[in-house]
Amino acid sequence: MSRSEERKVGERGQVTLPKELREKFDIHGGDEVIIHEEDGKITIEKPVSRDVLAEGYRQYAAESEALEEEMAGVSLESNQYLGDAPDW
């Protein structure tokens, strides 16, 4: 469960994010954040950079490739063990 902290909104609508959260989410002065309403709550999140997104896609591709290789090996092994499928 997340911890709550009460903050005062300034005259211009500004709120300071707690240091703990800025450090945890690697948010620094001048960084951009996304603010939106979600289920009646205000949500603040750090946008995903292109580099982070690209790395995620690279990892996904590598995992998919490894799975494909594993499945090909299992398929070959099962064919050797079971033989050809009958012609029904």
C-alpha atoms as a PDB file:
ATOM      1  CA  MET A   1       0.000   0.000   0.000  1.00  0.00           C
ATOM      2  CA  SER A   2       1.298   3.432  -0.845  1.00  0.00           C
ATOM      3  CA  ARG A   3       2.003   6.097   1.718  1.00  0.00           C
ATOM      4  CA  SER A   4       0.094   9.391   1.649  1.00  0.00           C
ATOM      5  CA  GLU A   5       1.472  12.827   2.323  1.00  0.00           C
ATOM      6  CA  GLU A   6      -0.489  16.046   2.563  1.00  0.00           C
ATOM      7  CA  ARG A   7       0.823  19.019   0.565  1.00  0.00           C
ATOM      8  CA  LYS A   8      -0.400  22.582   0.213  1.00  0.00           C
ATOM      9  CA  VAL A   9      -1.254  23.902  -3.260  1.00  0.00           C
ATOM     10  CA  GLY A  10       0.385  27.270  -3.955  1.00  0.00           C
ATOM     11  CA  GLU A  11      -1.315  30.375  -5.327  1.00  0.00           C
ATOM     12  CA  ARG A  12      -0.446  29.374  -8.907  1.00  0.00           C
ATOM     13  CA  GLY A  13      -1.616  25.757  -8.480  1.00  0.00           C
ATOM     14  CA  GLN A  14       1.867  24.371  -7.859  1.00  0.00           C
ATOM     15  CA  VAL A  15       2.570  21.381  -5.624  1.00  0.00           C
ATOM     16  CA  THR A  16       6.017  20.120  -4.620  1.00  0.00           C
ATOM     17  CA  LEU A  17       6.511  16.391  -5.103  1.00  0.00           C
ATOM     18  CA  PRO A  18       8.033  14.719  -2.043  1.00  0.00           C
ATOM     19  CA  LYS A  19      11.796  14.159  -2.341  1.00  0.00           C
ATOM     20  CA  GLU A  20      11.319  10.442  -1.694  1.00  0.00           C
ATOM     21  CA  LEU A  21       9.073  10.112  -4.753  1.00  0.00           C
ATOM     22  CA  ARG A  22      11.261  12.323  -6.961  1.00  0.00           C
ATOM     23  CA  GLU A  23      14.232  10.098  -6.172  1.00  0.00           C
ATOM     24  CA  LYS A  24      12.254   6.862  -6.564  1.00  0.00           C
ATOM     25  CA  PHE A  25      10.940   7.881 -10.006  1.00  0.00           C
ATOM     26  CA  ASP A  26      14.092   9.750 -11.067  1.00  0.00           C
ATOM     27  CA  ILE A  27      12.284  13.089 -11.486  1.00  0.00           C
ATOM     28  CA  HIS A  28      14.413  16.229 -11.456  1.00  0.00           C
ATOM     29  CA  GLY A  29      13.720  19.955 -11.737  1.00  0.00           C
ATOM     30  CA  GLY A  30      12.901  20.777 -15.352  1.00  0.00           C
ATOM     31  CA  ASP A  31      11.727  17.243 -16.211  1.00  0.00           C
ATOM     32  CA  GLU A  32       8.370  16.862 -17.897  1.00  0.00           C
ATOM     33  CA  VAL A  33       5.588  14.824 -16.306  1.00  0.00           C
ATOM     34  CA  ILE A  34       2.182  13.699 -17.542  1.00  0.00           C
ATOM     35  CA  ILE A  35      -0.794  14.780 -15.448  1.00  0.00           C
ATOM     36  CA  HIS A  36      -4.225  13.303 -16.086  1.00  0.00           C
ATOM     37  CA  GLU A  37      -7.442  12.354 -14.370  1.00  0.00           C
ATOM     38  CA  GLU A  38      -8.065   8.678 -13.820  1.00  0.00           C
ATOM     39  CA  ASP A  39     -11.104   7.307 -11.993  1.00  0.00           C
ATOM     40  CA  GLY A  40     -11.724  10.620 -10.258  1.00  0.00           C
ATOM     41  CA  LYS A  41      -8.083  10.945  -9.149  1.00  0.00           C
ATOM     42  CA  ILE A  42      -5.247  13.126 -10.400  1.00  0.00           C
ATOM     43  CA  THR A  43      -2.343  11.014 -11.623  1.00  0.00           C
ATOM     44  CA  ILE A  44       1.209  12.261 -12.209  1.00  0.00           C
ATOM     45  CA  GLU A  45       3.620  10.043 -14.109  1.00  0.00           C
ATOM     46  CA  LYS A  46       6.972  10.318 -15.783  1.00  0.00           C
ATOM     47  CA  PRO A  47       6.742   9.814 -19.545  1.00  0.00           C
ATOM     48  CA  VAL A  48       8.565   6.848 -21.045  1.00  0.00           C
ATOM     49  CA  SER A  49      11.562   7.959 -23.094  1.00  0.00           C
ATOM     50  CA  ARG A  50      12.135   6.647 -26.608  1.00  0.00           C
ATOM     51  CA  ASP A  51      15.328   4.939 -25.434  1.00  0.00           C
ATOM     52  CA  VAL A  52      13.555   3.074 -22.622  1.00  0.00           C
ATOM     53  CA  LEU A  53      10.718   2.105 -24.955  1.00  0.00           C
ATOM     54  CA  ALA A  54      13.150   0.914 -27.647  1.00  0.00           C
ATOM     55  CA  GLU A  55      15.075  -1.167 -25.091  1.00  0.00           C
ATOM     56  CA  GLY A  56      11.807  -2.777 -23.977  1.00  0.00           C
ATOM     57  CA  TYR A  57      11.007  -3.734 -27.562  1.00  0.00           C
ATOM     58  CA  ARG A  58      14.536  -5.134 -28.043  1.00  0.00           C
ATOM     59  CA  GLN A  59      14.168  -7.286 -24.923  1.00  0.00           C
ATOM     60  CA  TYR A  60      10.736  -8.489 -26.045  1.00  0.00           C
ATOM     61  CA  ALA A  61      12.120  -9.406 -29.484  1.00  0.00           C
ATOM     62  CA  ALA A  62      15.039 -11.312 -27.922  1.00  0.00           C
ATOM     63  CA  GLU A  63      12.690 -13.215 -25.591  1.00  0.00           C
ATOM     64  CA  SER A  64      10.371 -14.050 -28.497  1.00  0.00           C
ATOM     65  CA  GLU A  65      13.317 -15.285 -30.568  1.00  0.00           C
ATOM     66  CA  ALA A  66      14.530 -17.471 -27.704  1.00  0.00           C
ATOM     67  CA  LEU A  67      11.026 -18.903 -27.243  1.00  0.00           C
ATOM     68  CA  GLU A  68      10.751 -19.608 -30.975  1.00  0.00           C
ATOM     69  CA  GLU A  69      14.061 -21.508 -30.887  1.00  0.00           C
ATOM     70  CA  GLU A  70      12.960 -23.479 -27.830  1.00  0.00           C
ATOM     71  CA  MET A  71       9.626 -24.393 -29.416  1.00  0.00           C
ATOM     72  CA  ALA A  72      11.349 -25.504 -32.632  1.00  0.00           C
ATOM     73  CA  GLY A  73      13.565 -27.817 -30.577  1.00  0.00           C
ATOM     74  CA  VAL A  74      10.609 -29.218 -28.652  1.00  0.00           C
ATOM     75  CA  SER A  75       8.699 -29.770 -31.883  1.00  0.00           C
ATOM     76  CA  LEU A  76      11.634 -31.615 -33.444  1.00  0.00           C
ATOM     77  CA  GLU A  77      12.060 -33.716 -30.294  1.00  0.00           C
ATOM     78  CA  SER A  78       8.369 -34.626 -30.205  1.00  0.00           C
ATOM     79  CA  ASN A  79       8.423 -35.590 -33.898  1.00  0.00           C
ATOM     80  CA  GLN A  80      11.389 -37.888 -33.248  1.00  0.00           C
ATOM     81  CA  TYR A  81       9.706 -39.414 -30.196  1.00  0.00           C
ATOM     82  CA  LEU A  82       6.184 -39.737 -31.593  1.00  0.00           C
ATOM     83  CA  GLY A  83       6.896 -40.161 -35.280  1.00  0.00           C
ATOM     84  CA  ASP A  84       4.833 -38.672 -38.042  1.00  0.00           C
ATOM     85  CA  ALA A  85       1.194 -37.842 -37.448  1.00  0.00           C
ATOM     86  CA  PRO A  86      -1.236 -40.368 -38.908  1.00  0.00           C
ATOM     87  CA  ASP A  87      -3.153 -39.473 -42.075  1.00  0.00           C
ATOM     88  CA  TRP A  88      -6.766 -39.586 -40.893  1.00  0.00           C
END
